[in-house]
Amino acid sequence: MTGSCEVCGNEYDKAFEITASGKRHVFDSFECAIQALAPRCAHCGCRVIGHGTEAGGRMFCCAHCAHHAGAHEIQDRVQ
């Protein structure tokens, strides 16, 4: 599939398509797909690439950030 990346505009013969929430997206790399689709941590703003954690309807990258935002019940590991 040839397509134009919706993030960087690169026209690429190996572009790929992702459908998320019923909307079609075209990217030239996973890097651009992550920038467009991955949620941001509600505390530090980094992209949540893995599972992350959620509290109060907000997404966090880790328990540390959740704690800073007042979600003290979140734990990275249970010991």
C-alpha atoms as a PDB file:
ATOM      1  CA  MET A   1       0.000   0.000   0.000  1.00  0.00           C
ATOM      2  CA  THR A   2       1.382   3.395  -0.914  1.00  0.00           C
ATOM      3  CA  GLY A   3       0.156   6.191   1.263  1.00  0.00           C
ATOM      4  CA  SER A   4       0.909   9.491   2.877  1.00  0.00           C
ATOM      5  CA  CYS A   5       1.613   9.393   6.618  1.00  0.00           C
ATOM      6  CA  GLU A   6      -0.896  11.497   8.515  1.00  0.00           C
ATOM      7  CA  VAL A   7       1.764  12.559  11.053  1.00  0.00           C
ATOM      8  CA  CYS A   8       4.828  13.471   8.981  1.00  0.00           C
ATOM      9  CA  GLY A   9       3.384  13.552   5.463  1.00  0.00           C
ATOM     10  CA  ASN A  10       5.949  11.109   4.070  1.00  0.00           C
ATOM     11  CA  GLU A  11       4.758   9.326   0.934  1.00  0.00           C
ATOM     12  CA  TYR A  12       5.865   5.727   1.470  1.00  0.00           C
ATOM     13  CA  ASP A  13       5.409   2.519  -0.510  1.00  0.00           C
ATOM     14  CA  LYS A  14       5.244   0.482   2.725  1.00  0.00           C
ATOM     15  CA  ALA A  15       2.723   2.659   4.548  1.00  0.00           C
ATOM     16  CA  PHE A  16       0.202   0.790   6.686  1.00  0.00           C
ATOM     17  CA  GLU A  17      -3.316   1.384   7.843  1.00  0.00           C
ATOM     18  CA  ILE A  18      -4.755   1.192  11.343  1.00  0.00           C
ATOM     19  CA  THR A  19      -8.441   1.453  12.149  1.00  0.00           C
ATOM     20  CA  ALA A  20      -9.099   2.761  15.656  1.00  0.00           C
ATOM     21  CA  SER A  21     -12.543   3.661  16.993  1.00  0.00           C
ATOM     22  CA  GLY A  22     -13.921   3.308  13.476  1.00  0.00           C
ATOM     23  CA  LYS A  23     -11.503   5.854  11.991  1.00  0.00           C
ATOM     24  CA  ARG A  24      -8.894   4.930   9.353  1.00  0.00           C
ATOM     25  CA  HIS A  25      -5.311   6.109   9.888  1.00  0.00           C
ATOM     26  CA  VAL A  26      -2.300   5.771   7.556  1.00  0.00           C
ATOM     27  CA  PHE A  27       1.286   5.841   8.853  1.00  0.00           C
ATOM     28  CA  ASP A  28       4.758   5.267   7.448  1.00  0.00           C
ATOM     29  CA  SER A  29       6.225   4.015  10.755  1.00  0.00           C
ATOM     30  CA  PHE A  30       5.263   2.748  14.191  1.00  0.00           C
ATOM     31  CA  GLU A  31       6.885   5.877  15.578  1.00  0.00           C
ATOM     32  CA  CYS A  32       4.324   8.069  13.805  1.00  0.00           C
ATOM     33  CA  ALA A  33       1.473   5.721  14.768  1.00  0.00           C
ATOM     34  CA  ILE A  34       2.482   5.992  18.424  1.00  0.00           C
ATOM     35  CA  GLN A  35       2.634   9.788  18.244  1.00  0.00           C
ATOM     36  CA  ALA A  36      -0.862   9.907  16.785  1.00  0.00           C
ATOM     37  CA  LEU A  37      -2.640   7.189  18.748  1.00  0.00           C
ATOM     38  CA  ALA A  38      -0.938   6.455  22.073  1.00  0.00           C
ATOM     39  CA  PRO A  39      -2.473   8.230  25.071  1.00  0.00           C
ATOM     40  CA  ARG A  40      -0.390  10.647  27.126  1.00  0.00           C
ATOM     41  CA  CYS A  41       0.290  10.256  30.822  1.00  0.00           C
ATOM     42  CA  ALA A  42      -1.934  12.690  32.746  1.00  0.00           C
ATOM     43  CA  HIS A  43       1.014  13.666  34.968  1.00  0.00           C
ATOM     44  CA  CYS A  44       4.253  13.737  32.936  1.00  0.00           C
ATOM     45  CA  GLY A  45       2.838  13.800  29.406  1.00  0.00           C
ATOM     46  CA  CYS A  46       4.905  10.931  28.024  1.00  0.00           C
ATOM     47  CA  ARG A  47       3.267   8.530  25.561  1.00  0.00           C
ATOM     48  CA  VAL A  48       1.882   5.411  27.225  1.00  0.00           C
ATOM     49  CA  ILE A  49       3.135   2.637  24.948  1.00  0.00           C
ATOM     50  CA  GLY A  50       2.540  -0.315  27.265  1.00  0.00           C
ATOM     51  CA  HIS A  51      -0.405  -1.063  29.478  1.00  0.00           C
ATOM     52  CA  GLY A  52      -0.024   1.948  31.712  1.00  0.00           C
ATOM     53  CA  THR A  53      -2.513   2.374  34.514  1.00  0.00           C
ATOM     54  CA  GLU A  54      -5.786   4.200  34.829  1.00  0.00           C
ATOM     55  CA  ALA A  55      -7.365   5.979  37.776  1.00  0.00           C
ATOM     56  CA  GLY A  56     -10.298   8.359  37.900  1.00  0.00           C
ATOM     57  CA  GLY A  57     -10.677   8.233  34.126  1.00  0.00           C
ATOM     58  CA  ARG A  58      -7.085   9.406  33.601  1.00  0.00           C
ATOM     59  CA  MET A  59      -4.236   7.390  32.080  1.00  0.00           C
ATOM     60  CA  PHE A  60      -0.794   7.240  33.703  1.00  0.00           C
ATOM     61  CA  CYS A  61       2.468   5.673  32.552  1.00  0.00           C
ATOM     62  CA  CYS A  62       3.329   4.365  36.041  1.00  0.00           C
ATOM     63  CA  ALA A  63       2.324   4.356  39.707  1.00  0.00           C
ATOM     64  CA  HIS A  64       4.791   7.162  40.459  1.00  0.00           C
ATOM     65  CA  CYS A  65       2.915   9.541  38.154  1.00  0.00           C
ATOM     66  CA  ALA A  66      -0.466   8.333  39.416  1.00  0.00           C
ATOM     67  CA  HIS A  67       0.647   9.079  42.990  1.00  0.00           C
ATOM     68  CA  HIS A  68       1.668  12.627  42.033  1.00  0.00           C
ATOM     69  CA  ALA A  69      -1.831  13.108  40.653  1.00  0.00           C
ATOM     70  CA  GLY A  70      -3.441  11.841  43.862  1.00  0.00           C
ATOM     71  CA  ALA A  71      -4.167   8.221  42.870  1.00  0.00           C
ATOM     72  CA  HIS A  72      -2.332   6.631  45.800  1.00  0.00           C
ATOM     73  CA  GLU A  73      -4.074   3.245  45.408  1.00  0.00           C
ATOM     74  CA  ILE A  74      -2.096   2.470  42.217  1.00  0.00           C
ATOM     75  CA  GLN A  75       0.929   0.196  42.637  1.00  0.00           C
ATOM     76  CA  ASP A  76       3.566  -0.841  40.076  1.00  0.00           C
ATOM     77  CA  ARG A  77       4.125  -4.151  41.885  1.00  0.00           C
ATOM     78  CA  VAL A  78       2.405  -5.901  44.703  1.00  0.00           C
ATOM     79  CA  GLN A  79       4.903  -7.294  47.180  1.00  0.00           C
END
